[in-house]
């Protein structure tokens, strides 16, 4: 994935992150594997950097659960941040 789209970069701990989409009001990116309790983030657009912000990190254990526990079929909706897919 590109590390710059439309003149925009997102720096996570001072390293450019892979970008999926850049629009006027939204940036979608893939976060690198992060360790520790916080990470820094800044956006650079056309060579001009934003203020750096510090984000708290929490341990996670993501998983996808299937309705029938067979590995096939409908995905269980675990919370409002996840989408159920048929």
PDB file of N, CA and C in Angstrom:
ATOM      1  N   UNK A   1       0.836  -1.172   0.000  1.00  0.00           N
ATOM      2  CA  UNK A   1       0.000   0.000   0.000  1.00  0.00           C
ATOM      3  C   UNK A   1       0.888   1.244   0.000  1.00  0.00           C
ATOM      4  N   UNK A   2       0.414   2.300  -0.629  1.00  0.00           N
ATOM      5  CA  UNK A   2       1.229   3.512  -0.677  1.00  0.00           C
ATOM      6  C   UNK A   2       1.345   4.180   0.679  1.00  0.00           C
ATOM      7  N   UNK A   3       2.439   4.848   0.894  1.00  0.00           N
ATOM      8  CA  UNK A   3       2.670   5.587   2.139  1.00  0.00           C
ATOM      9  C   UNK A   3       2.346   7.075   1.956  1.00  0.00           C
ATOM     10  N   UNK A   4       1.939   7.441   0.745  1.00  0.00           N
ATOM     11  CA  UNK A   4       1.496   8.802   0.445  1.00  0.00           C
ATOM     12  C   UNK A   4       0.426   8.738  -0.629  1.00  0.00           C
ATOM     13  N   UNK A   5      -0.668   9.465  -0.423  1.00  0.00           N
ATOM     14  CA  UNK A   5      -1.752   9.568  -1.407  1.00  0.00           C
ATOM     15  C   UNK A   5      -2.170  11.023  -1.509  1.00  0.00           C
ATOM     16  N   UNK A   6      -2.230  11.550  -2.712  1.00  0.00           N
ATOM     17  CA  UNK A   6      -2.682  12.926  -2.908  1.00  0.00           C
ATOM     18  C   UNK A   6      -1.893  13.948  -2.118  1.00  0.00           C
ATOM     19  N   UNK A   7      -0.594  13.682  -1.908  1.00  0.00           N
ATOM     20  CA  UNK A   7       0.245  14.601  -1.156  1.00  0.00           C
ATOM     21  C   UNK A   7       0.094  14.488   0.351  1.00  0.00           C
ATOM     22  N   UNK A   8      -0.600  13.430   0.827  1.00  0.00           N
ATOM     23  CA  UNK A   8      -0.851  13.256   2.253  1.00  0.00           C
ATOM     24  C   UNK A   8      -0.096  12.045   2.782  1.00  0.00           C
ATOM     25  N   UNK A   9       0.508  12.211   3.958  1.00  0.00           N
ATOM     26  CA  UNK A   9       1.126  11.122   4.708  1.00  0.00           C
ATOM     27  C   UNK A   9       0.599  11.172   6.132  1.00  0.00           C
ATOM     28  N   UNK A  10       0.485  10.010   6.764  1.00  0.00           N
ATOM     29  CA  UNK A  10       0.182   9.939   8.190  1.00  0.00           C
ATOM     30  C   UNK A  10       1.385   9.295   8.850  1.00  0.00           C
ATOM     31  N   UNK A  11       1.964  10.004   9.808  1.00  0.00           N
ATOM     32  CA  UNK A  11       3.149   9.512  10.496  1.00  0.00           C
ATOM     33  C   UNK A  11       2.745   8.936  11.842  1.00  0.00           C
ATOM     34  N   UNK A  12       3.026   7.659  12.027  1.00  0.00           N
ATOM     35  CA  UNK A  12       2.759   6.984  13.291  1.00  0.00           C
ATOM     36  C   UNK A  12       4.113   6.667  13.902  1.00  0.00           C
ATOM     37  N   UNK A  13       4.375   7.233  15.063  1.00  0.00           N
ATOM     38  CA  UNK A  13       5.702   7.124  15.695  1.00  0.00           C
ATOM     39  C   UNK A  13       6.799   7.519  14.705  1.00  0.00           C
ATOM     40  N   UNK A  14       6.547   8.596  13.963  1.00  0.00           N
ATOM     41  CA  UNK A  14       7.476   9.218  13.012  1.00  0.00           C
ATOM     42  C   UNK A  14       7.705   8.418  11.740  1.00  0.00           C
ATOM     43  N   UNK A  15       6.965   7.309  11.524  1.00  0.00           N
ATOM     44  CA  UNK A  15       7.102   6.508  10.297  1.00  0.00           C
ATOM     45  C   UNK A  15       5.818   6.600   9.481  1.00  0.00           C
ATOM     46  N   UNK A  16       5.928   6.772   8.150  1.00  0.00           N
ATOM     47  CA  UNK A  16       4.726   6.844   7.310  1.00  0.00           C
ATOM     48  C   UNK A  16       3.941   5.533   7.357  1.00  0.00           C
ATOM     49  N   UNK A  17       2.635   5.634   7.575  1.00  0.00           N
ATOM     50  CA  UNK A  17       1.754   4.466   7.626  1.00  0.00           C
ATOM     51  C   UNK A  17       1.181   4.189   6.243  1.00  0.00           C
ATOM     52  N   UNK A  18       0.869   2.923   5.931  1.00  0.00           N
ATOM     53  CA  UNK A  18       0.207   2.585   4.663  1.00  0.00           C
ATOM     54  C   UNK A  18      -1.192   3.204   4.604  1.00  0.00           C
ATOM     55  N   UNK A  19      -1.508   3.845   3.481  1.00  0.00           N
ATOM     56  CA  UNK A  19      -2.786   4.539   3.324  1.00  0.00           C
ATOM     57  C   UNK A  19      -3.718   3.761   2.402  1.00  0.00           C
ATOM     58  N   UNK A  20      -4.990   3.697   2.795  1.00  0.00           N
ATOM     59  CA  UNK A  20      -6.015   3.042   1.992  1.00  0.00           C
ATOM     60  C   UNK A  20      -6.852   4.054   1.223  1.00  0.00           C
ATOM     61  N   UNK A  21      -7.108   5.219   1.860  1.00  0.00           N
ATOM     62  CA  UNK A  21      -7.963   6.243   1.259  1.00  0.00           C
ATOM     63  C   UNK A  21      -7.639   7.586   1.888  1.00  0.00           C
ATOM     64  N   UNK A  22      -7.645   8.626   1.066  1.00  0.00           N
ATOM     65  CA  UNK A  22      -7.494   9.995   1.552  1.00  0.00           C
ATOM     66  C   UNK A  22      -8.560  10.840   0.877  1.00  0.00           C
ATOM     67  N   UNK A  23      -9.382  11.510   1.676  1.00  0.00           N
ATOM     68  CA  UNK A  23     -10.416  12.394   1.159  1.00  0.00           C
ATOM     69  C   UNK A  23     -10.374  13.716   1.905  1.00  0.00           C
ATOM     70  N   UNK A  24     -11.264  14.647   1.557  1.00  0.00           N
ATOM     71  CA  UNK A  24     -11.240  15.964   2.180  1.00  0.00           C
ATOM     72  C   UNK A  24     -11.502  15.943   3.685  1.00  0.00           C
ATOM     73  N   UNK A  25     -12.263  14.952   4.181  1.00  0.00           N
ATOM     74  CA  UNK A  25     -12.597  14.915   5.606  1.00  0.00           C
ATOM     75  C   UNK A  25     -12.279  13.577   6.271  1.00  0.00           C
ATOM     76  N   UNK A  26     -11.603  12.681   5.544  1.00  0.00           N
ATOM     77  CA  UNK A  26     -11.361  11.345   6.096  1.00  0.00           C
ATOM     78  C   UNK A  26     -10.073  10.765   5.538  1.00  0.00           C
ATOM     79  N   UNK A  27      -9.341  10.071   6.396  1.00  0.00           N
ATOM     80  CA  UNK A  27      -8.152   9.322   5.984  1.00  0.00           C
ATOM     81  C   UNK A  27      -8.278   7.920   6.561  1.00  0.00           C
ATOM     82  N   UNK A  28      -8.174   6.899   5.716  1.00  0.00           N
ATOM     83  CA  UNK A  28      -8.170   5.517   6.178  1.00  0.00           C
ATOM     84  C   UNK A  28      -6.756   4.983   6.029  1.00  0.00           C
ATOM     85  N   UNK A  29      -6.252   4.355   7.086  1.00  0.00           N
ATOM     86  CA  UNK A  29      -4.882   3.858   7.054  1.00  0.00           C
ATOM     87  C   UNK A  29      -4.778   2.545   7.795  1.00  0.00           C
ATOM     88  N   UNK A  30      -3.678   1.871   7.569  1.00  0.00           N
ATOM     89  CA  UNK A  30      -3.374   0.640   8.286  1.00  0.00           C
ATOM     90  C   UNK A  30      -2.331   0.967   9.341  1.00  0.00           C
ATOM     91  N   UNK A  31      -2.688   0.752  10.593  1.00  0.00           N
ATOM     92  CA  UNK A  31      -1.721   1.009  11.657  1.00  0.00           C
ATOM     93  C   UNK A  31      -0.674  -0.097  11.677  1.00  0.00           C
ATOM     94  N   UNK A  32       0.574   0.267  11.903  1.00  0.00           N
ATOM     95  CA  UNK A  32       1.596  -0.766  12.075  1.00  0.00           C
ATOM     96  C   UNK A  32       1.399  -1.450  13.426  1.00  0.00           C
ATOM     97  N   UNK A  33       2.099  -2.544  13.630  1.00  0.00           N
ATOM     98  CA  UNK A  33       2.054  -3.187  14.944  1.00  0.00           C
ATOM     99  C   UNK A  33       2.688  -2.237  15.947  1.00  0.00           C
ATOM    100  N   UNK A  34       1.954  -1.935  17.002  1.00  0.00           N
ATOM    101  CA  UNK A  34       2.418  -0.966  17.990  1.00  0.00           C
ATOM    102  C   UNK A  34       2.589  -1.645  19.348  1.00  0.00           C
ATOM    103  N   UNK A  35       3.599  -1.222  20.077  1.00  0.00           N
ATOM    104  CA  UNK A  35       3.820  -1.726  21.423  1.00  0.00           C
ATOM    105  C   UNK A  35       3.897  -0.544  22.376  1.00  0.00           C
ATOM    106  N   UNK A  36       3.810  -0.812  23.642  1.00  0.00           N
ATOM    107  CA  UNK A  36       3.874   0.253  24.629  1.00  0.00           C
ATOM    108  C   UNK A  36       2.497   0.741  25.001  1.00  0.00           C
ATOM    109  N   UNK A  37       2.438   1.848  25.705  1.00  0.00           N
ATOM    110  CA  UNK A  37       1.169   2.362  26.201  1.00  0.00           C
ATOM    111  C   UNK A  37       0.644   3.558  25.407  1.00  0.00           C
ATOM    112  N   UNK A  38       1.444   4.084  24.466  1.00  0.00           N
ATOM    113  CA  UNK A  38       0.985   5.207  23.650  1.00  0.00           C
ATOM    114  C   UNK A  38       1.745   5.259  22.331  1.00  0.00           C
ATOM    115  N   UNK A  39       1.168   5.991  21.375  1.00  0.00           N
ATOM    116  CA  UNK A  39       1.781   6.194  20.064  1.00  0.00           C
ATOM    117  C   UNK A  39       1.561   7.640  19.653  1.00  0.00           C
ATOM    118  N   UNK A  40       2.454   8.165  18.833  1.00  0.00           N
ATOM    119  CA  UNK A  40       2.289   9.528  18.324  1.00  0.00           C
ATOM    120  C   UNK A  40       1.749   9.464  16.901  1.00  0.00           C
ATOM    121  N   UNK A  41       0.965  10.470  16.531  1.00  0.00           N
ATOM    122  CA  UNK A  41       0.364  10.526  15.200  1.00  0.00           C
ATOM    123  C   UNK A  41       0.394  11.963  14.713  1.00  0.00           C
ATOM    124  N   UNK A  42       0.771  12.145  13.459  1.00  0.00           N
ATOM    125  CA  UNK A  42       0.744  13.456  12.810  1.00  0.00           C
ATOM    126  C   UNK A  42       0.378  13.248  11.350  1.00  0.00           C
ATOM    127  N   UNK A  43      -0.237  14.245  10.751  1.00  0.00           N
ATOM    128  CA  UNK A  43      -0.595  14.211   9.332  1.00  0.00           C
ATOM    129  C   UNK A  43       0.249  15.254   8.617  1.00  0.00           C
ATOM    130  N   UNK A  44       0.812  14.874   7.474  1.00  0.00           N
ATOM    131  CA  UNK A  44       1.567  15.807   6.639  1.00  0.00           C
ATOM    132  C   UNK A  44       0.844  15.900   5.300  1.00  0.00           C
ATOM    133  N   UNK A  45       0.428  17.116   4.946  1.00  0.00           N
ATOM    134  CA  UNK A  45      -0.259  17.354   3.678  1.00  0.00           C
ATOM    135  C   UNK A  45       0.513  18.385   2.879  1.00  0.00           C
ATOM    136  N   UNK A  46       0.936  17.992   1.681  1.00  0.00           N
ATOM    137  CA  UNK A  46       1.697  18.867   0.798  1.00  0.00           C
ATOM    138  C   UNK A  46       2.895  19.495   1.510  1.00  0.00           C
ATOM    139  N   UNK A  47       3.581  18.682   2.323  1.00  0.00           N
ATOM    140  CA  UNK A  47       4.796  19.122   2.998  1.00  0.00           C
ATOM    141  C   UNK A  47       4.586  19.871   4.298  1.00  0.00           C
ATOM    142  N   UNK A  48       3.329  20.124   4.669  1.00  0.00           N
ATOM    143  CA  UNK A  48       3.036  20.841   5.911  1.00  0.00           C
ATOM    144  C   UNK A  48       2.521  19.844   6.941  1.00  0.00           C
ATOM    145  N   UNK A  49       3.188  19.771   8.094  1.00  0.00           N
ATOM    146  CA  UNK A  49       2.830  18.800   9.125  1.00  0.00           C
ATOM    147  C   UNK A  49       1.855  19.401  10.131  1.00  0.00           C
ATOM    148  N   UNK A  50       0.931  18.560  10.578  1.00  0.00           N
ATOM    149  CA  UNK A  50       0.016  18.955  11.648  1.00  0.00           C
ATOM    150  C   UNK A  50       0.739  18.870  12.985  1.00  0.00           C
ATOM    151  N   UNK A  51       0.086  19.329  14.019  1.00  0.00           N
ATOM    152  CA  UNK A  51       0.596  19.087  15.359  1.00  0.00           C
ATOM    153  C   UNK A  51       0.585  17.591  15.618  1.00  0.00           C
ATOM    154  N   UNK A  52       1.542  17.121  16.355  1.00  0.00           N
ATOM    155  CA  UNK A  52       1.603  15.710  16.731  1.00  0.00           C
ATOM    156  C   UNK A  52       0.692  15.488  17.931  1.00  0.00           C
ATOM    157  N   UNK A  53      -0.087  14.399  17.897  1.00  0.00           N
ATOM    158  CA  UNK A  53      -0.918  14.037  19.039  1.00  0.00           C
ATOM    159  C   UNK A  53      -0.440  12.701  19.589  1.00  0.00           C
ATOM    160  N   UNK A  54      -0.643  12.507  20.866  1.00  0.00           N
ATOM    161  CA  UNK A  54      -0.288  11.243  21.505  1.00  0.00           C
ATOM    162  C   UNK A  54      -1.567  10.476  21.770  1.00  0.00           C
ATOM    163  N   UNK A  55      -1.593   9.224  21.322  1.00  0.00           N
ATOM    164  CA  UNK A  55      -2.770   8.380  21.480  1.00  0.00           C
ATOM    165  C   UNK A  55      -2.482   7.273  22.482  1.00  0.00           C
ATOM    166  N   UNK A  56      -3.386   7.039  23.432  1.00  0.00           N
ATOM    167  CA  UNK A  56      -3.186   5.917  24.353  1.00  0.00           C
ATOM    168  C   UNK A  56      -3.436   4.593  23.627  1.00  0.00           C
ATOM    169  N   UNK A  57      -2.686   3.574  23.970  1.00  0.00           N
ATOM    170  CA  UNK A  57      -2.863   2.248  23.390  1.00  0.00           C
ATOM    171  C   UNK A  57      -3.384   1.297  24.455  1.00  0.00           C
ATOM    172  N   UNK A  58      -4.276   0.407  24.038  1.00  0.00           N
ATOM    173  CA  UNK A  58      -4.808  -0.618  24.936  1.00  0.00           C
ATOM    174  C   UNK A  58      -4.594  -1.974  24.286  1.00  0.00           C
ATOM    175  N   UNK A  59      -4.288  -3.000  25.076  1.00  0.00           N
ATOM    176  CA  UNK A  59      -4.134  -4.330  24.495  1.00  0.00           C
ATOM    177  C   UNK A  59      -5.461  -4.835  23.942  1.00  0.00           C
ATOM    178  N   UNK A  60      -5.411  -5.510  22.807  1.00  0.00           N
ATOM    179  CA  UNK A  60      -6.612  -6.067  22.187  1.00  0.00           C
ATOM    180  C   UNK A  60      -6.324  -7.488  21.733  1.00  0.00           C
ATOM    181  N   UNK A  61      -7.386  -8.217  21.520  1.00  0.00           N
ATOM    182  CA  UNK A  61      -7.286  -9.570  21.001  1.00  0.00           C
ATOM    183  C   UNK A  61      -8.422  -9.749  20.004  1.00  0.00           C
ATOM    184  N   UNK A  62      -8.272  -9.169  18.789  1.00  0.00           N
ATOM    185  CA  UNK A  62      -9.379  -9.227  17.833  1.00  0.00           C
ATOM    186  C   UNK A  62      -9.641 -10.654  17.355  1.00  0.00           C
ATOM    187  N   UNK A  63     -10.890 -10.926  17.049  1.00  0.00           N
ATOM    188  CA  UNK A  63     -11.274 -12.240  16.534  1.00  0.00           C
ATOM    189  C   UNK A  63     -12.581 -12.102  15.769  1.00  0.00           C
ATOM    190  N   UNK A  64     -12.835 -13.056  14.888  1.00  0.00           N
ATOM    191  CA  UNK A  64     -14.093 -13.126  14.142  1.00  0.00           C
ATOM    192  C   UNK A  64     -14.775 -14.426  14.552  1.00  0.00           C
ATOM    193  N   UNK A  65     -16.021 -14.321  14.969  1.00  0.00           N
ATOM    194  CA  UNK A  65     -16.769 -15.484  15.419  1.00  0.00           C
ATOM    195  C   UNK A  65     -17.887 -15.783  14.429  1.00  0.00           C
ATOM    196  N   UNK A  66     -18.055 -17.052  14.086  1.00  0.00           N
ATOM    197  CA  UNK A  66     -19.091 -17.476  13.152  1.00  0.00           C
ATOM    198  C   UNK A  66     -20.289 -17.994  13.942  1.00  0.00           C
ATOM    199  N   UNK A  67     -21.502 -17.805  13.397  1.00  0.00           N
ATOM    200  CA  UNK A  67     -22.727 -18.217  14.073  1.00  0.00           C
ATOM    201  C   UNK A  67     -22.700 -19.704  14.395  1.00  0.00           C
ATOM    202  N   UNK A  68     -22.369 -20.553  13.412  1.00  0.00           N
ATOM    203  CA  UNK A  68     -22.403 -21.998  13.625  1.00  0.00           C
ATOM    204  C   UNK A  68     -21.096 -22.583  14.116  1.00  0.00           C
ATOM    205  N   UNK A  69     -20.090 -21.772  14.361  1.00  0.00           N
ATOM    206  CA  UNK A  69     -18.768 -22.207  14.809  1.00  0.00           C
ATOM    207  C   UNK A  69     -18.128 -23.211  13.857  1.00  0.00           C
ATOM    208  N   UNK A  70     -18.515 -23.128  12.561  1.00  0.00           N
ATOM    209  CA  UNK A  70     -17.945 -24.030  11.562  1.00  0.00           C
ATOM    210  C   UNK A  70     -16.838 -23.362  10.763  1.00  0.00           C
ATOM    211  N   UNK A  71     -16.728 -22.031  10.874  1.00  0.00           N
ATOM    212  CA  UNK A  71     -15.782 -21.293  10.053  1.00  0.00           C
ATOM    213  C   UNK A  71     -16.409 -20.800   8.765  1.00  0.00           C
ATOM    214  N   UNK A  72     -17.687 -21.117   8.542  1.00  0.00           N
ATOM    215  CA  UNK A  72     -18.401 -20.684   7.341  1.00  0.00           C
ATOM    216  C   UNK A  72     -19.723 -20.061   7.759  1.00  0.00           C
ATOM    217  N   UNK A  73     -20.230 -19.132   6.956  1.00  0.00           N
ATOM    218  CA  UNK A  73     -21.548 -18.576   7.213  1.00  0.00           C
ATOM    219  C   UNK A  73     -21.524 -17.175   7.755  1.00  0.00           C
ATOM    220  N   UNK A  74     -22.516 -16.852   8.565  1.00  0.00           N
ATOM    221  CA  UNK A  74     -22.718 -15.502   9.069  1.00  0.00           C
ATOM    222  C   UNK A  74     -21.768 -15.195  10.213  1.00  0.00           C
ATOM    223  N   UNK A  75     -21.236 -13.984  10.189  1.00  0.00           N
ATOM    224  CA  UNK A  75     -20.348 -13.506  11.245  1.00  0.00           C
ATOM    225  C   UNK A  75     -21.199 -12.953  12.375  1.00  0.00           C
ATOM    226  N   UNK A  76     -20.830 -13.267  13.600  1.00  0.00           N
ATOM    227  CA  UNK A  76     -21.524 -12.748  14.777  1.00  0.00           C
ATOM    228  C   UNK A  76     -21.123 -11.293  14.973  1.00  0.00           C
ATOM    229  N   UNK A  77     -22.104 -10.436  15.191  1.00  0.00           N
ATOM    230  CA  UNK A  77     -21.835  -9.031  15.476  1.00  0.00           C
ATOM    231  C   UNK A  77     -21.485  -8.902  16.956  1.00  0.00           C
ATOM    232  N   UNK A  78     -20.212  -8.583  17.247  1.00  0.00           N
ATOM    233  CA  UNK A  78     -19.750  -8.566  18.630  1.00  0.00           C
ATOM    234  C   UNK A  78     -19.972  -7.220  19.316  1.00  0.00           C
ATOM    235  N   UNK A  79     -19.894  -6.116  18.565  1.00  0.00           N
ATOM    236  CA  UNK A  79     -20.128  -4.793  19.148  1.00  0.00           C
ATOM    237  C   UNK A  79     -20.498  -3.816  18.039  1.00  0.00           C
ATOM    238  N   UNK A  80     -20.813  -2.589  18.395  1.00  0.00           N
ATOM    239  CA  UNK A  80     -21.279  -1.618  17.401  1.00  0.00           C
ATOM    240  C   UNK A  80     -20.185  -1.167  16.452  1.00  0.00           C
ATOM    241  N   UNK A  81     -18.927  -1.476  16.739  1.00  0.00           N
ATOM    242  CA  UNK A  81     -17.842  -1.105  15.838  1.00  0.00           C
ATOM    243  C   UNK A  81     -17.652  -2.134  14.720  1.00  0.00           C
ATOM    244  N   UNK A  82     -18.265  -3.291  14.836  1.00  0.00           N
ATOM    245  CA  UNK A  82     -18.124  -4.350  13.832  1.00  0.00           C
ATOM    246  C   UNK A  82     -19.412  -4.451  13.032  1.00  0.00           C
ATOM    247  N   UNK A  83     -19.311  -4.846  11.790  1.00  0.00           N
ATOM    248  CA  UNK A  83     -20.487  -5.013  10.935  1.00  0.00           C
ATOM    249  C   UNK A  83     -20.790  -6.486  10.765  1.00  0.00           C
ATOM    250  N   UNK A  84     -22.054  -6.869  10.860  1.00  0.00           N
ATOM    251  CA  UNK A  84     -22.455  -8.237  10.570  1.00  0.00           C
ATOM    252  C   UNK A  84     -22.502  -8.400   9.059  1.00  0.00           C
ATOM    253  N   UNK A  85     -21.931  -9.455   8.558  1.00  0.00           N
ATOM    254  CA  UNK A  85     -21.900  -9.696   7.117  1.00  0.00           C
ATOM    255  C   UNK A  85     -22.579 -11.026   6.810  1.00  0.00           C
ATOM    256  N   UNK A  86     -23.487 -11.061   5.831  1.00  0.00           N
ATOM    257  CA  UNK A  86     -24.152 -12.328   5.496  1.00  0.00           C
ATOM    258  C   UNK A  86     -23.212 -13.286   4.807  1.00  0.00           C
TER     259      UNK A  86
END
